Amino acid sequence: MAPPLTESQLLTFIGWLLQRDLSSATINSYLSSLRQLYLKLGLNPSSIRSELVGQVIRGRSNQELVTHTSGSSKVRLPITPAVLQLIKQDLSSSTMPPVQKLLLWSVCTISFAGAFRVSEILAVNSSRFDPLKTLLGKDLQLMEIQMGECMVPVLQITLKQEKTNKSKTPTVIDIFEADGPLCPINAYRKWRLSSPPLEDDLPAFRTASGRALTNRDLNLYLADFTSKYFPSAEGKFTSHSFRIGLASTLGKLGLPDSDIKAAGRWSSRCFETYLRLPRTKRAAVAKMIGSIST
């Protein structure tokens, strides 16, 4: 194929790269090299990036959200409401201290309901932390807001730094009640009732001894959970599985792609859309998720 390539030839080339299981980043690198060739030959480089070509590469990038590996040949499995229910049963039968069970369960339900990157809500290190990046006690607020004629409980979580928010403005995420046994509000309340009051300037999620719960702690639990209940699975559950699981669940509920991307805050534009979604709609989504958890 001699340049300039037609759109059909470009898509054939990209399809061949996809068959080789190359990542979207690698494909973009090849297209950038092709662009340099176009410039050298005096051709129009913008013809390489047609709308359809861009959609194919974005599709590959979205696929990587599910199949992306992290030093392992196993893919990340989605934590759906059914898997979340199994986690609850496993924690219930665990020999770990009751307060630790409630802490882990609260983190799991919040991570799912808010599609959090767990690094946004858990400390990186158990004994030291950066107050400008770590979620602190003062960043969690359980309150009631007026929705129609009713007062609705909401857990507001303020992220000082959020991956898709390029501004300096903190991101506030509302966590709503969900019907059934997977309600993040109920889980949070039970954990708080069993623990000392939150301290404003210390990590929000801490054990009874005061040690900060870390992303590594959660991943270690999920690794044990995977080997215990899914020993032959061609994948594993990690802290990122909550985000993947929410996307899968919302898709099954029939929500449009725009709402799914907004709920997961997968780009700054979608983040802005998420903030504009009416609270009534986000509360309704929480109820819908609760309805399929039993």
C-alpha atoms as a PDB file:
ATOM      1  CA  MET A   1       0.000   0.000   0.000  1.00  0.00           C
ATOM      2  CA  ALA A   2       1.537   3.274  -1.122  1.00  0.00           C
ATOM      3  CA  PRO A   3       0.761   6.559   0.620  1.00  0.00           C
ATOM      4  CA  PRO A   4      -1.561   8.312   0.793  1.00  0.00           C
ATOM      5  CA  LEU A   5      -3.621   5.456   2.198  1.00  0.00           C
ATOM      6  CA  THR A   6      -7.366   5.417   1.811  1.00  0.00           C
ATOM      7  CA  GLU A   7      -9.519   5.159   4.935  1.00  0.00           C
ATOM      8  CA  SER A   8     -10.261   1.543   4.013  1.00  0.00           C
ATOM      9  CA  GLN A   9      -6.543   0.758   3.787  1.00  0.00           C
ATOM     10  CA  LEU A  10      -5.896   2.469   7.114  1.00  0.00           C
ATOM     11  CA  LEU A  11      -8.630   0.436   8.798  1.00  0.00           C
ATOM     12  CA  THR A  12      -7.203  -2.763   7.264  1.00  0.00           C
ATOM     13  CA  PHE A  13      -3.787  -1.860   8.680  1.00  0.00           C
ATOM     14  CA  ILE A  14      -5.270  -1.108  12.124  1.00  0.00           C
ATOM     15  CA  GLY A  15      -7.249  -4.356  12.010  1.00  0.00           C
ATOM     16  CA  TRP A  16      -4.024  -6.250  11.347  1.00  0.00           C
ATOM     17  CA  LEU A  17      -2.417  -4.536  14.338  1.00  0.00           C
ATOM     18  CA  LEU A  18      -5.412  -5.462  16.491  1.00  0.00           C
ATOM     19  CA  GLN A  19      -5.099  -9.085  15.408  1.00  0.00           C
ATOM     20  CA  ARG A  20      -1.542  -8.956  16.730  1.00  0.00           C
ATOM     21  CA  ASP A  21      -3.084  -7.860  20.060  1.00  0.00           C
ATOM     22  CA  LEU A  22      -1.278  -4.529  20.114  1.00  0.00           C
ATOM     23  CA  SER A  23      -2.382  -1.829  22.524  1.00  0.00           C
ATOM     24  CA  SER A  24      -4.067   1.415  21.543  1.00  0.00           C
ATOM     25  CA  ALA A  25      -0.897   3.279  22.607  1.00  0.00           C
ATOM     26  CA  THR A  26       1.249   1.175  20.247  1.00  0.00           C
ATOM     27  CA  ILE A  27      -1.213   1.653  17.393  1.00  0.00           C
ATOM     28  CA  ASN A  28      -1.164   5.405  18.000  1.00  0.00           C
ATOM     29  CA  SER A  29       2.640   5.273  17.872  1.00  0.00           C
ATOM     30  CA  TYR A  30       2.538   3.579  14.458  1.00  0.00           C
ATOM     31  CA  LEU A  31       0.069   6.159  13.165  1.00  0.00           C
ATOM     32  CA  SER A  32       2.311   8.950  14.459  1.00  0.00           C
ATOM     33  CA  SER A  33       5.202   7.443  12.491  1.00  0.00           C
ATOM     34  CA  LEU A  34       2.982   7.288   9.426  1.00  0.00           C
ATOM     35  CA  ARG A  35       2.108  10.937   9.986  1.00  0.00           C
ATOM     36  CA  GLN A  36       5.801  11.839   9.926  1.00  0.00           C
ATOM     37  CA  LEU A  37       6.124  10.041   6.590  1.00  0.00           C
ATOM     38  CA  TYR A  38       3.169  12.024   5.231  1.00  0.00           C
ATOM     39  CA  LEU A  39       4.804  15.275   6.305  1.00  0.00           C
ATOM     40  CA  LYS A  40       8.072  14.285   4.645  1.00  0.00           C
ATOM     41  CA  LEU A  41       6.226  13.470   1.402  1.00  0.00           C
ATOM     42  CA  GLY A  42       4.220  16.683   1.505  1.00  0.00           C
ATOM     43  CA  LEU A  43       0.914  14.858   2.044  1.00  0.00           C
ATOM     44  CA  ASN A  44      -1.999  15.883   4.270  1.00  0.00           C
ATOM     45  CA  PRO A  45      -1.335  14.264   7.718  1.00  0.00           C
ATOM     46  CA  SER A  46      -4.883  14.918   8.977  1.00  0.00           C
ATOM     47  CA  SER A  47      -6.268  12.256   6.621  1.00  0.00           C
ATOM     48  CA  ILE A  48      -4.729   9.605   8.895  1.00  0.00           C
ATOM     49  CA  ARG A  49      -7.006  10.575  11.774  1.00  0.00           C
ATOM     50  CA  SER A  50     -10.499  10.242  10.347  1.00  0.00           C
ATOM     51  CA  GLU A  51     -13.448  10.028  12.723  1.00  0.00           C
ATOM     52  CA  LEU A  52     -13.887   6.311  12.051  1.00  0.00           C
ATOM     53  CA  VAL A  53     -10.196   5.579  12.655  1.00  0.00           C
ATOM     54  CA  GLY A  54     -10.437   7.489  15.936  1.00  0.00           C
ATOM     55  CA  GLN A  55     -13.500   5.492  17.008  1.00  0.00           C
ATOM     56  CA  VAL A  56     -11.728   2.174  16.350  1.00  0.00           C
ATOM     57  CA  ILE A  57      -8.724   3.203  18.448  1.00  0.00           C
ATOM     58  CA  ARG A  58     -10.947   4.524  21.237  1.00  0.00           C
ATOM     59  CA  GLY A  59     -12.809   1.217  21.176  1.00  0.00           C
ATOM     60  CA  ARG A  60      -9.518  -0.611  21.666  1.00  0.00           C
ATOM     61  CA  SER A  61      -8.664   1.743  24.522  1.00  0.00           C
ATOM     62  CA  ASN A  62     -12.027   1.090  26.208  1.00  0.00           C
ATOM     63  CA  GLN A  63     -11.503  -2.652  25.810  1.00  0.00           C
ATOM     64  CA  GLU A  64      -8.215  -2.286  27.635  1.00  0.00           C
ATOM     65  CA  LEU A  65     -10.091  -0.970  30.676  1.00  0.00           C
ATOM     66  CA  VAL A  66     -11.366  -4.523  31.119  1.00  0.00           C
ATOM     67  CA  THR A  67      -8.525  -6.603  29.705  1.00  0.00           C
ATOM     68  CA  HIS A  68      -5.604  -4.501  30.870  1.00  0.00           C
ATOM     69  CA  THR A  69      -3.078  -6.535  32.858  1.00  0.00           C
ATOM     70  CA  SER A  70      -0.749  -5.349  35.564  1.00  0.00           C
ATOM     71  CA  GLY A  71       2.322  -7.542  35.426  1.00  0.00           C
ATOM     72  CA  SER A  72       0.116 -10.596  35.140  1.00  0.00           C
ATOM     73  CA  SER A  73      -1.354 -12.727  32.390  1.00  0.00           C
ATOM     74  CA  LYS A  74      -4.699 -12.651  34.144  1.00  0.00           C
ATOM     75  CA  VAL A  75      -7.290 -10.050  33.230  1.00  0.00           C
ATOM     76  CA  ARG A  76      -9.214  -8.071  35.783  1.00  0.00           C
ATOM     77  CA  LEU A  77     -12.625  -9.545  36.397  1.00  0.00           C
ATOM     78  CA  PRO A  78     -15.606  -7.245  37.043  1.00  0.00           C
ATOM     79  CA  ILE A  79     -17.049  -7.110  40.553  1.00  0.00           C
ATOM     80  CA  THR A  80     -20.778  -7.191  39.847  1.00  0.00           C
ATOM     81  CA  PRO A  81     -23.571  -7.075  42.454  1.00  0.00           C
ATOM     82  CA  ALA A  82     -23.555 -10.893  42.546  1.00  0.00           C
ATOM     83  CA  VAL A  83     -19.807 -10.963  43.281  1.00  0.00           C
ATOM     84  CA  LEU A  84     -20.238  -8.172  45.819  1.00  0.00           C
ATOM     85  CA  GLN A  85     -22.856 -10.292  47.579  1.00  0.00           C
ATOM     86  CA  LEU A  86     -20.354 -13.175  47.708  1.00  0.00           C
ATOM     87  CA  ILE A  87     -17.730 -10.848  49.184  1.00  0.00           C
ATOM     88  CA  LYS A  88     -20.212  -9.894  51.891  1.00  0.00           C
ATOM     89  CA  GLN A  89     -20.813 -13.553  52.729  1.00  0.00           C
ATOM     90  CA  ASP A  90     -17.081 -14.242  52.781  1.00  0.00           C
ATOM     91  CA  LEU A  91     -16.409 -11.346  55.136  1.00  0.00           C
ATOM     92  CA  SER A  92     -19.281 -12.446  57.369  1.00  0.00           C
ATOM     93  CA  SER A  93     -17.750 -15.907  57.808  1.00  0.00           C
ATOM     94  CA  SER A  94     -14.195 -14.571  58.149  1.00  0.00           C
ATOM     95  CA  THR A  95     -12.230 -14.850  61.401  1.00  0.00           C
ATOM     96  CA  MET A  96     -10.924 -11.278  61.118  1.00  0.00           C
ATOM     97  CA  PRO A  97     -12.053  -8.790  63.804  1.00  0.00           C
ATOM     98  CA  PRO A  98     -15.623  -7.500  63.306  1.00  0.00           C
ATOM     99  CA  VAL A  99     -14.483  -3.892  62.915  1.00  0.00           C
ATOM    100  CA  GLN A 100     -12.084  -4.932  60.149  1.00  0.00           C
ATOM    101  CA  LYS A 101     -14.912  -6.737  58.359  1.00  0.00           C
ATOM    102  CA  LEU A 102     -17.110  -3.652  58.500  1.00  0.00           C
ATOM    103  CA  LEU A 103     -14.257  -1.449  57.282  1.00  0.00           C
ATOM    104  CA  LEU A 104     -13.527  -3.654  54.257  1.00  0.00           C
ATOM    105  CA  TRP A 105     -17.213  -4.010  53.438  1.00  0.00           C
ATOM    106  CA  SER A 106     -17.746  -0.261  53.587  1.00  0.00           C
ATOM    107  CA  VAL A 107     -14.785   0.356  51.270  1.00  0.00           C
ATOM    108  CA  CYS A 108     -16.025  -2.312  48.834  1.00  0.00           C
ATOM    109  CA  THR A 109     -19.562  -0.940  48.574  1.00  0.00           C
ATOM    110  CA  ILE A 110     -18.363   2.669  48.277  1.00  0.00           C
ATOM    111  CA  SER A 111     -15.781   1.723  45.648  1.00  0.00           C
ATOM    112  CA  PHE A 112     -18.498   0.057  43.580  1.00  0.00           C
ATOM    113  CA  ALA A 113     -21.195   2.704  44.033  1.00  0.00           C
ATOM    114  CA  GLY A 114     -18.843   5.581  43.199  1.00  0.00           C
ATOM    115  CA  ALA A 115     -16.769   3.769  40.534  1.00  0.00           C
ATOM    116  CA  PHE A 116     -13.716   4.921  42.444  1.00  0.00           C
ATOM    117  CA  ARG A 117     -10.139   4.328  41.554  1.00  0.00           C
ATOM    118  CA  VAL A 118      -9.253   2.895  44.958  1.00  0.00           C
ATOM    119  CA  SER A 119      -6.132   5.075  45.090  1.00  0.00           C
ATOM    120  CA  GLU A 120      -8.588   7.996  45.326  1.00  0.00           C
ATOM    121  CA  ILE A 121     -10.000   6.831  48.661  1.00  0.00           C
ATOM    122  CA  LEU A 122      -7.290   4.674  50.273  1.00  0.00           C
ATOM    123  CA  ALA A 123      -3.840   5.699  51.446  1.00  0.00           C
ATOM    124  CA  VAL A 124      -0.756   4.567  49.553  1.00  0.00           C
ATOM    125  CA  ASN A 125       1.175   3.846  52.741  1.00  0.00           C
ATOM    126  CA  SER A 126      -0.177   2.548  56.048  1.00  0.00           C
ATOM    127  CA  SER A 127       1.987   4.743  58.276  1.00  0.00           C
ATOM    128  CA  ARG A 128       2.553   7.982  56.341  1.00  0.00           C
ATOM    129  CA  PHE A 129       0.481  10.000  53.910  1.00  0.00           C
ATOM    130  CA  ASP A 130       0.336  13.168  51.833  1.00  0.00           C
ATOM    131  CA  PRO A 131      -2.590  15.283  53.141  1.00  0.00           C
ATOM    132  CA  LEU A 132      -2.836  17.051  49.765  1.00  0.00           C
ATOM    133  CA  LYS A 133      -3.586  13.781  47.964  1.00  0.00           C
ATOM    134  CA  THR A 134      -5.023  11.402  50.574  1.00  0.00           C
ATOM    135  CA  LEU A 135      -8.725  11.198  51.412  1.00  0.00           C
ATOM    136  CA  LEU A 136      -9.021  12.482  54.988  1.00  0.00           C
ATOM    137  CA  GLY A 137     -11.725  12.211  57.622  1.00  0.00           C
ATOM    138  CA  LYS A 138     -12.988  15.708  56.830  1.00  0.00           C
ATOM    139  CA  ASP A 139     -13.483  14.643  53.192  1.00  0.00           C
ATOM    140  CA  LEU A 140     -16.334  12.281  54.169  1.00  0.00           C
ATOM    141  CA  GLN A 141     -19.682  13.840  55.045  1.00  0.00           C
ATOM    142  CA  LEU A 142     -22.867  11.856  55.690  1.00  0.00           C
ATOM    143  CA  MET A 143     -25.807  14.228  55.321  1.00  0.00           C
ATOM    144  CA  GLU A 144     -29.412  14.485  54.193  1.00  0.00           C
ATOM    145  CA  ILE A 145     -30.462  16.475  51.146  1.00  0.00           C
ATOM    146  CA  GLN A 146     -33.862  17.544  49.889  1.00  0.00           C
ATOM    147  CA  MET A 147     -35.059  15.609  46.845  1.00  0.00           C
ATOM    148  CA  GLY A 148     -38.632  16.404  45.961  1.00  0.00           C
ATOM    149  CA  GLU A 149     -40.681  16.055  49.123  1.00  0.00           C
ATOM    150  CA  CYS A 150     -38.222  13.689  50.835  1.00  0.00           C
ATOM    151  CA  MET A 151     -34.961  14.010  52.703  1.00  0.00           C
ATOM    152  CA  VAL A 152     -32.453  11.529  51.274  1.00  0.00           C
ATOM    153  CA  PRO A 153     -29.234  10.387  52.988  1.00  0.00           C
ATOM    154  CA  VAL A 154     -26.111  11.014  50.916  1.00  0.00           C
ATOM    155  CA  LEU A 155     -22.451  10.303  51.591  1.00  0.00           C
ATOM    156  CA  GLN A 156     -20.453  13.125  50.021  1.00  0.00           C
ATOM    157  CA  ILE A 157     -16.833  12.323  49.232  1.00  0.00           C
ATOM    158  CA  THR A 158     -14.501  15.166  48.315  1.00  0.00           C
ATOM    159  CA  LEU A 159     -11.511  14.240  46.162  1.00  0.00           C
ATOM    160  CA  LYS A 160      -8.775  16.837  46.320  1.00  0.00           C
ATOM    161  CA  GLN A 161      -7.156  15.374  43.208  1.00  0.00           C
ATOM    162  CA  GLU A 162      -9.070  13.482  40.538  1.00  0.00           C
ATOM    163  CA  LYS A 163      -7.482  11.937  37.452  1.00  0.00           C
ATOM    164  CA  THR A 164      -9.934  13.319  34.919  1.00  0.00           C
ATOM    165  CA  ASN A 165     -10.368  16.735  36.559  1.00  0.00           C
ATOM    166  CA  LYS A 166      -7.566  18.942  35.242  1.00  0.00           C
ATOM    167  CA  SER A 167      -8.632  21.970  37.264  1.00  0.00           C
ATOM    168  CA  LYS A 168      -7.626  22.754  40.834  1.00  0.00           C
ATOM    169  CA  THR A 169     -11.233  22.474  42.007  1.00  0.00           C
ATOM    170  CA  PRO A 170     -11.957  19.470  44.277  1.00  0.00           C
ATOM    171  CA  THR A 171     -14.359  16.834  42.989  1.00  0.00           C
ATOM    172  CA  VAL A 172     -17.423  16.023  45.107  1.00  0.00           C
ATOM    173  CA  ILE A 173     -18.993  12.602  44.548  1.00  0.00           C
ATOM    174  CA  ASP A 174     -22.452  11.767  45.918  1.00  0.00           C
ATOM    175  CA  ILE A 175     -23.039   8.208  47.110  1.00  0.00           C
ATOM    176  CA  PHE A 176     -26.733   7.335  47.382  1.00  0.00           C
ATOM    177  CA  GLU A 177     -28.701   4.611  49.110  1.00  0.00           C
ATOM    178  CA  ALA A 178     -29.363   1.368  47.248  1.00  0.00           C
ATOM    179  CA  ASP A 179     -32.157  -1.075  48.025  1.00  0.00           C
ATOM    180  CA  GLY A 180     -31.093  -4.478  49.290  1.00  0.00           C
ATOM    181  CA  PRO A 181     -28.022  -5.819  51.118  1.00  0.00           C
ATOM    182  CA  LEU A 182     -25.397  -3.925  49.124  1.00  0.00           C
ATOM    183  CA  CYS A 183     -26.299  -0.417  50.247  1.00  0.00           C
ATOM    184  CA  PRO A 184     -23.133   1.691  50.701  1.00  0.00           C
ATOM    185  CA  ILE A 185     -24.890   4.056  53.116  1.00  0.00           C
ATOM    186  CA  ASN A 186     -25.863   1.219  55.457  1.00  0.00           C
ATOM    187  CA  ALA A 187     -22.380  -0.281  55.228  1.00  0.00           C
ATOM    188  CA  TYR A 188     -20.776   3.065  56.037  1.00  0.00           C
ATOM    189  CA  ARG A 189     -23.084   3.707  58.985  1.00  0.00           C
ATOM    190  CA  LYS A 190     -22.383   0.288  60.534  1.00  0.00           C
ATOM    191  CA  TRP A 191     -18.648   0.786  60.214  1.00  0.00           C
ATOM    192  CA  ARG A 192     -18.801   4.262  61.759  1.00  0.00           C
ATOM    193  CA  LEU A 193     -20.932   3.058  64.681  1.00  0.00           C
ATOM    194  CA  SER A 194     -18.312   0.420  65.490  1.00  0.00           C
ATOM    195  CA  SER A 195     -15.295   2.737  65.228  1.00  0.00           C
ATOM    196  CA  PRO A 196     -13.933   5.864  66.910  1.00  0.00           C
ATOM    197  CA  PRO A 197     -14.961   9.192  65.363  1.00  0.00           C
ATOM    198  CA  LEU A 198     -13.214  10.198  62.162  1.00  0.00           C
ATOM    199  CA  GLU A 199     -10.300  12.557  62.647  1.00  0.00           C
ATOM    200  CA  ASP A 200     -10.353  15.450  60.196  1.00  0.00           C
ATOM    201  CA  ASP A 201      -6.653  15.435  59.327  1.00  0.00           C
ATOM    202  CA  LEU A 202      -5.984  11.691  59.255  1.00  0.00           C
ATOM    203  CA  PRO A 203      -6.775   9.163  56.491  1.00  0.00           C
ATOM    204  CA  ALA A 204     -10.497   8.468  56.352  1.00  0.00           C
ATOM    205  CA  PHE A 205     -10.366   4.674  56.204  1.00  0.00           C
ATOM    206  CA  ARG A 206      -8.320   3.360  59.115  1.00  0.00           C
ATOM    207  CA  THR A 207      -8.296   0.173  61.145  1.00  0.00           C
ATOM    208  CA  ALA A 208      -9.175   0.049  64.836  1.00  0.00           C
ATOM    209  CA  SER A 209      -5.458   0.413  65.654  1.00  0.00           C
ATOM    210  CA  GLY A 210      -5.257   3.645  63.660  1.00  0.00           C
ATOM    211  CA  ARG A 211      -3.365   2.137  60.741  1.00  0.00           C
ATOM    212  CA  ALA A 212      -4.465   3.448  57.340  1.00  0.00           C
ATOM    213  CA  LEU A 213      -6.081   0.886  55.062  1.00  0.00           C
ATOM    214  CA  THR A 214      -4.138   0.779  51.789  1.00  0.00           C
ATOM    215  CA  ASN A 215      -4.818  -0.253  48.220  1.00  0.00           C
ATOM    216  CA  ARG A 216      -2.399  -3.141  48.771  1.00  0.00           C
ATOM    217  CA  ASP A 217      -4.443  -4.367  51.756  1.00  0.00           C
ATOM    218  CA  LEU A 218      -7.581  -4.481  49.633  1.00  0.00           C
ATOM    219  CA  ASN A 219      -5.798  -6.235  46.765  1.00  0.00           C
ATOM    220  CA  LEU A 220      -4.407  -8.874  49.113  1.00  0.00           C
ATOM    221  CA  TYR A 221      -7.918  -9.622  50.351  1.00  0.00           C
ATOM    222  CA  LEU A 222      -9.291  -9.765  46.799  1.00  0.00           C
ATOM    223  CA  ALA A 223      -6.463 -12.093  45.740  1.00  0.00           C
ATOM    224  CA  ASP A 224      -7.391 -14.512  48.539  1.00  0.00           C
ATOM    225  CA  PHE A 225     -11.046 -14.157  47.609  1.00  0.00           C
ATOM    226  CA  THR A 226     -10.288 -15.013  43.972  1.00  0.00           C
ATOM    227  CA  SER A 227      -8.273 -18.130  44.830  1.00  0.00           C
ATOM    228  CA  LYS A 228     -10.925 -19.267  47.300  1.00  0.00           C
ATOM    229  CA  TYR A 229     -14.046 -18.900  45.160  1.00  0.00           C
ATOM    230  CA  PHE A 230     -12.734 -18.739  41.583  1.00  0.00           C
ATOM    231  CA  PRO A 231      -9.590 -20.925  41.543  1.00  0.00           C
ATOM    232  CA  SER A 232      -9.913 -21.836  37.865  1.00  0.00           C
ATOM    233  CA  ALA A 233     -10.953 -18.398  36.611  1.00  0.00           C
ATOM    234  CA  GLU A 234      -8.941 -16.927  33.754  1.00  0.00           C
ATOM    235  CA  GLY A 235      -8.699 -13.662  35.592  1.00  0.00           C
ATOM    236  CA  LYS A 236      -8.556 -12.076  38.998  1.00  0.00           C
ATOM    237  CA  PHE A 237     -10.357  -9.510  41.107  1.00  0.00           C
ATOM    238  CA  THR A 238      -8.426  -6.368  41.998  1.00  0.00           C
ATOM    239  CA  SER A 239      -9.323  -2.983  43.418  1.00  0.00           C
ATOM    240  CA  HIS A 240      -9.939  -1.780  39.840  1.00  0.00           C
ATOM    241  CA  SER A 241     -12.608  -4.467  39.416  1.00  0.00           C
ATOM    242  CA  PHE A 242     -15.167  -2.252  41.167  1.00  0.00           C
ATOM    243  CA  ARG A 243     -14.986   0.354  38.367  1.00  0.00           C
ATOM    244  CA  ILE A 244     -15.196  -2.357  35.717  1.00  0.00           C
ATOM    245  CA  GLY A 245     -18.090  -3.982  37.562  1.00  0.00           C
ATOM    246  CA  LEU A 246     -20.122  -0.797  37.769  1.00  0.00           C
ATOM    247  CA  ALA A 247     -19.726  -0.242  34.023  1.00  0.00           C
ATOM    248  CA  SER A 248     -20.834  -3.828  33.336  1.00  0.00           C
ATOM    249  CA  THR A 249     -23.809  -3.488  35.662  1.00  0.00           C
ATOM    250  CA  LEU A 250     -25.005  -0.192  34.217  1.00  0.00           C
ATOM    251  CA  GLY A 251     -24.690  -1.670  30.747  1.00  0.00           C
ATOM    252  CA  LYS A 252     -26.930  -4.586  31.727  1.00  0.00           C
ATOM    253  CA  LEU A 253     -29.437  -2.124  33.120  1.00  0.00           C
ATOM    254  CA  GLY A 254     -29.669  -0.573  29.679  1.00  0.00           C
ATOM    255  CA  LEU A 255     -28.118   2.811  30.446  1.00  0.00           C
ATOM    256  CA  PRO A 256     -26.651   4.640  27.439  1.00  0.00           C
ATOM    257  CA  ASP A 257     -22.877   4.733  26.959  1.00  0.00           C
ATOM    258  CA  SER A 258     -22.768   8.439  27.805  1.00  0.00           C
ATOM    259  CA  ASP A 259     -24.262   7.828  31.254  1.00  0.00           C
ATOM    260  CA  ILE A 260     -21.934   4.869  31.901  1.00  0.00           C
ATOM    261  CA  LYS A 261     -18.872   6.926  31.005  1.00  0.00           C
ATOM    262  CA  ALA A 262     -20.151   9.794  33.119  1.00  0.00           C
ATOM    263  CA  ALA A 263     -20.763   7.589  36.147  1.00  0.00           C
ATOM    264  CA  GLY A 264     -17.244   6.215  35.928  1.00  0.00           C
ATOM    265  CA  ARG A 265     -15.625   9.608  35.222  1.00  0.00           C
ATOM    266  CA  TRP A 266     -13.575   8.148  32.376  1.00  0.00           C
ATOM    267  CA  SER A 267     -12.675  11.533  30.899  1.00  0.00           C
ATOM    268  CA  SER A 268     -12.782  15.154  31.955  1.00  0.00           C
ATOM    269  CA  ARG A 269     -15.665  15.830  29.571  1.00  0.00           C
ATOM    270  CA  CYS A 270     -17.610  12.907  31.038  1.00  0.00           C
ATOM    271  CA  PHE A 271     -16.697  14.113  34.506  1.00  0.00           C
ATOM    272  CA  GLU A 272     -18.350  17.423  33.734  1.00  0.00           C
ATOM    273  CA  THR A 273     -21.391  15.560  32.406  1.00  0.00           C
ATOM    274  CA  TYR A 274     -21.535  13.543  35.603  1.00  0.00           C
ATOM    275  CA  LEU A 275     -21.687  16.695  37.678  1.00  0.00           C
ATOM    276  CA  ARG A 276     -24.565  17.968  35.517  1.00  0.00           C
ATOM    277  CA  LEU A 277     -26.594  14.768  35.807  1.00  0.00           C
ATOM    278  CA  PRO A 278     -29.548  15.461  38.099  1.00  0.00           C
ATOM    279  CA  ARG A 279     -29.221  14.017  41.563  1.00  0.00           C
ATOM    280  CA  THR A 280     -32.589  12.398  41.065  1.00  0.00           C
ATOM    281  CA  LYS A 281     -31.174  10.398  38.161  1.00  0.00           C
ATOM    282  CA  ARG A 282     -28.098   9.298  40.096  1.00  0.00           C
ATOM    283  CA  ALA A 283     -30.264   8.304  43.038  1.00  0.00           C
ATOM    284  CA  ALA A 284     -32.513   6.309  40.674  1.00  0.00           C
ATOM    285  CA  VAL A 285     -29.471   4.493  39.278  1.00  0.00           C
ATOM    286  CA  ALA A 286     -28.483   3.489  42.824  1.00  0.00           C
ATOM    287  CA  LYS A 287     -31.956   2.067  43.367  1.00  0.00           C
ATOM    288  CA  MET A 288     -31.742   0.168  40.077  1.00  0.00           C
ATOM    289  CA  ILE A 289     -28.457  -1.418  41.101  1.00  0.00           C
ATOM    290  CA  GLY A 290     -29.938  -2.409  44.440  1.00  0.00           C
ATOM    291  CA  SER A 291     -32.852  -4.079  42.693  1.00  0.00           C
ATOM    292  CA  ILE A 292     -30.582  -6.611  40.950  1.00  0.00           C
ATOM    293  CA  SER A 293     -28.432  -7.394  43.977  1.00  0.00           C
ATOM    294  CA  THR A 294     -30.775  -9.943  45.516  1.00  0.00           C
END
